[in-house]
Amino acid sequence: MKFSTLKHHKIIVLTIFSCLFLTFSNAQDDFPQQKSEFWKNVRFGGGLGLSTGNNFFSATLAPSAIYQFDNTFALGVGLNGTYNRSKNVYKSTILGGSIMGLFNPIQEIQLSAEFEQLNVNQKFEGVFANNPDRNYWVPALFVGAGYRTNNVTIGLRYDLLYDENDSVYADAFVPFVRVFF
């Protein structure tokens, strides 16, 4: 499949997932008096990322949703879409998803496990244009711990499958801020 066709398909898939996420998140407000027990336990959140620097740009959109079984345990899913560009070096598009479990042994402490699978598409440019473009899948299995206050958890997670050659993260240790409403 040509790069432009693959890129077109990725944009379509990301748009569909975004529309589904917005539809489900808006569904909670459409019939407030008829909200089922299921939707009362669903919480939405996610992350936004923006990074710029010397000839570098990165933007991430990562919506997620969890089902809160009780005050101590939740399971959820997430999506991830990232665009990176290092001028005259490379462009990359990263798309994927994750499954997560959250456990709060006490209200202020949150333990987590998350399996993430990302598709990385890199296209080299400038003096690196002779390098072959790369399209590959990279898994990550995170275990983490954080301090929780209300809807916000701040912590650190560790990728048990970290591979410095293929990972989209600079290190196996990744700090996080998790917010669910």
Protein backbone atom coordinates (compact mmCIF):
# COMPACT_ATOMS: atom_id res chain seq x y z
CA MET A 1 0.00 0.00 0.00
CA LYS A 2 1.38 3.40 -0.92
CA PHE A 3 2.28 5.83 1.88
CA SER A 4 -0.44 8.34 0.90
CA THR A 5 -3.11 5.61 0.78
CA LEU A 6 -2.00 4.25 4.16
CA LYS A 7 -2.03 7.76 5.59
CA HIS A 8 -5.54 8.30 4.19
CA HIS A 9 -6.77 5.09 5.84
CA LYS A 10 -5.24 6.09 9.17
CA ILE A 11 -6.97 9.46 9.07
CA ILE A 12 -10.31 7.76 8.33
CA VAL A 13 -9.87 5.25 11.18
CA LEU A 14 -8.87 8.00 13.63
CA THR A 15 -11.86 10.12 12.56
CA ILE A 16 -14.27 7.19 13.06
CA PHE A 17 -12.87 6.43 16.52
CA SER A 18 -13.07 10.11 17.47
CA CYS A 19 -16.69 10.32 16.32
CA LEU A 20 -17.59 7.17 18.27
CA PHE A 21 -15.89 8.54 21.38
CA LEU A 22 -17.75 11.86 21.07
CA THR A 23 -21.05 10.05 20.44
CA PHE A 24 -20.67 7.91 23.55
CA SER A 25 -19.53 10.83 25.69
CA ASN A 26 -22.49 12.96 24.54
CA ALA A 27 -24.90 10.06 25.06
CA GLN A 28 -24.59 10.58 28.80
CA ASP A 29 -26.23 14.01 28.58
CA ASP A 30 -28.99 13.22 26.08
CA PHE A 31 -31.29 11.42 28.53
CA PRO A 32 -30.18 12.37 32.06
CA GLN A 33 -33.35 11.05 33.70
CA GLN A 34 -32.95 7.67 31.92
CA LYS A 35 -29.25 7.07 32.55
CA SER A 36 -28.64 3.35 32.99
CA GLU A 37 -26.57 1.86 35.78
CA PHE A 38 -23.87 1.07 33.23
CA TRP A 39 -23.40 4.71 32.14
CA LYS A 40 -23.40 5.90 35.75
CA ASN A 41 -20.16 3.94 36.21
CA VAL A 42 -18.41 5.00 32.99
CA ARG A 43 -15.83 7.78 33.28
CA PHE A 44 -14.15 9.57 30.40
CA GLY A 45 -10.73 11.17 30.27
CA GLY A 46 -7.53 11.05 28.36
CA GLY A 47 -4.57 13.12 27.44
CA LEU A 48 -3.48 15.91 25.17
CA GLY A 49 0.13 16.54 24.30
CA LEU A 50 1.90 19.35 22.51
CA SER A 51 5.65 19.75 22.26
CA THR A 52 7.72 22.15 20.21
CA GLY A 53 11.40 22.84 20.09
CA ASN A 54 14.26 23.59 17.76
CA ASN A 55 12.78 22.38 14.42
CA PHE A 56 10.59 19.85 16.28
CA PHE A 57 6.82 19.51 16.67
CA SER A 58 4.71 16.83 18.30
CA ALA A 59 0.97 16.65 19.02
CA THR A 60 -0.96 13.84 20.72
CA LEU A 61 -4.65 13.15 21.25
CA ALA A 62 -5.37 10.19 23.55
CA PRO A 63 -9.00 9.80 24.70
CA SER A 64 -9.88 7.01 27.12
CA ALA A 65 -12.81 5.59 29.05
CA ILE A 66 -13.03 3.36 32.11
CA TYR A 67 -15.78 1.41 33.81
CA GLN A 68 -15.59 2.01 37.58
CA PHE A 69 -16.68 -1.28 39.21
CA ASP A 70 -16.36 0.15 42.73
CA ASN A 71 -14.14 2.61 44.63
CA THR A 72 -11.09 0.38 44.21
CA PHE A 73 -11.20 -1.21 40.73
CA ALA A 74 -11.71 0.01 37.13
CA LEU A 75 -11.07 -1.35 33.63
CA GLY A 76 -10.86 0.70 30.47
CA VAL A 77 -9.72 1.32 26.93
CA GLY A 78 -7.87 4.14 25.24
CA LEU A 79 -6.92 5.41 21.81
CA ASN A 80 -3.73 7.21 20.83
CA GLY A 81 -2.98 9.41 17.86
CA THR A 82 0.35 11.24 17.61
CA TYR A 83 2.06 13.25 14.89
CA ASN A 84 5.79 14.07 15.17
CA ARG A 85 8.05 16.04 12.89
CA SER A 86 11.72 16.81 13.21
CA LYS A 87 12.43 19.19 10.32
CA ASN A 88 14.73 17.69 7.66
CA VAL A 89 14.98 14.44 9.66
CA TYR A 90 11.63 12.62 9.77
CA LYS A 91 7.85 12.71 10.06
CA SER A 92 5.95 10.07 11.97
CA THR A 93 2.35 9.15 12.58
CA ILE A 94 1.56 6.91 15.55
CA LEU A 95 -1.88 5.32 15.95
CA GLY A 96 -3.04 2.67 18.38
CA GLY A 97 -4.95 1.69 21.43
CA SER A 98 -4.66 0.33 24.93
CA ILE A 99 -6.41 -1.70 27.61
CA MET A 100 -5.92 -0.67 31.23
CA GLY A 101 -6.71 -1.76 34.74
CA LEU A 102 -6.70 0.59 37.73
CA PHE A 103 -6.60 -0.45 41.40
CA ASN A 104 -6.85 1.89 44.39
CA PRO A 105 -5.84 0.01 47.57
CA ILE A 106 -6.49 3.29 49.42
CA GLN A 107 -8.13 6.44 48.07
CA GLU A 108 -4.85 8.34 47.53
CA ILE A 109 -2.83 5.56 45.83
CA GLN A 110 -3.54 4.21 42.35
CA LEU A 111 -1.79 1.16 40.90
CA SER A 112 -2.16 0.49 37.19
CA ALA A 113 -1.42 -2.01 34.45
CA GLU A 114 -1.80 -1.10 30.77
CA PHE A 115 -1.14 -2.92 27.52
CA GLU A 116 -0.61 -0.57 24.59
CA GLN A 117 -0.19 -1.49 20.91
CA LEU A 118 0.93 1.27 18.54
CA ASN A 119 1.52 1.40 14.80
CA VAL A 120 4.45 3.66 13.93
CA ASN A 121 4.86 5.06 10.42
CA GLN A 122 8.13 6.98 9.88
CA LYS A 123 9.12 8.80 6.72
CA PHE A 124 12.66 10.17 6.59
CA GLU A 125 13.53 13.42 4.84
CA GLY A 126 16.39 15.81 4.17
CA VAL A 127 19.86 14.29 4.55
CA PHE A 128 18.18 11.16 5.98
CA ALA A 129 15.91 10.67 2.94
CA ASN A 130 18.04 7.71 1.80
CA ASN A 131 17.01 5.77 4.93
CA PRO A 132 14.14 3.39 4.24
CA ASP A 133 10.77 4.47 5.59
CA ARG A 134 9.55 2.37 8.50
CA ASN A 135 6.10 1.05 9.33
CA TYR A 136 5.96 -1.24 12.37
CA TRP A 137 3.95 -2.23 15.44
CA VAL A 138 5.36 -1.71 18.91
CA PRO A 139 3.81 -3.13 22.10
CA ALA A 140 4.20 -1.71 25.59
CA LEU A 141 3.20 -3.30 28.91
CA PHE A 142 3.15 -0.67 31.64
CA VAL A 143 2.94 -1.13 35.40
CA GLY A 144 2.59 2.06 37.38
CA ALA A 145 1.80 3.81 40.60
CA GLY A 146 0.52 7.28 41.31
CA TYR A 147 -0.85 9.68 43.86
CA ARG A 148 -4.57 10.33 43.39
CA THR A 149 -6.62 13.31 44.45
CA ASN A 150 -10.23 13.56 43.23
CA ASN A 151 -10.22 12.94 39.44
CA VAL A 152 -6.46 13.44 38.93
CA THR A 153 -3.64 10.91 39.35
CA ILE A 154 0.04 11.87 38.98
CA GLY A 155 2.56 9.07 38.82
CA LEU A 156 5.21 7.01 37.10
CA ARG A 157 4.84 3.90 34.95
CA TYR A 158 7.41 1.42 33.69
CA ASP A 159 7.31 -0.39 30.32
CA LEU A 160 8.20 -4.07 30.88
CA LEU A 161 8.58 -4.57 27.09
CA TYR A 162 10.73 -1.49 26.46
CA ASP A 163 12.97 -1.70 23.37
CA GLU A 164 15.16 1.38 22.88
CA ASN A 165 15.30 0.80 19.09
CA ASP A 166 11.54 0.76 18.45
CA SER A 167 9.77 2.34 21.43
CA VAL A 168 8.02 5.66 20.92
CA TYR A 169 9.09 6.62 24.45
CA ALA A 170 12.57 7.94 25.28
CA ASP A 171 12.87 5.73 28.36
CA ALA A 172 11.19 2.72 30.00
CA PHE A 173 10.10 5.01 32.86
CA VAL A 174 7.28 7.32 31.74
CA PRO A 175 5.66 9.94 34.02
CA PHE A 176 1.90 10.41 33.64
CA VAL A 177 -1.02 12.61 34.60
CA ARG A 178 -4.32 10.75 34.38
CA VAL A 179 -7.68 12.57 34.54
CA PHE A 180 -11.14 10.97 34.50
CA PHE A 181 -14.52 12.69 34.84
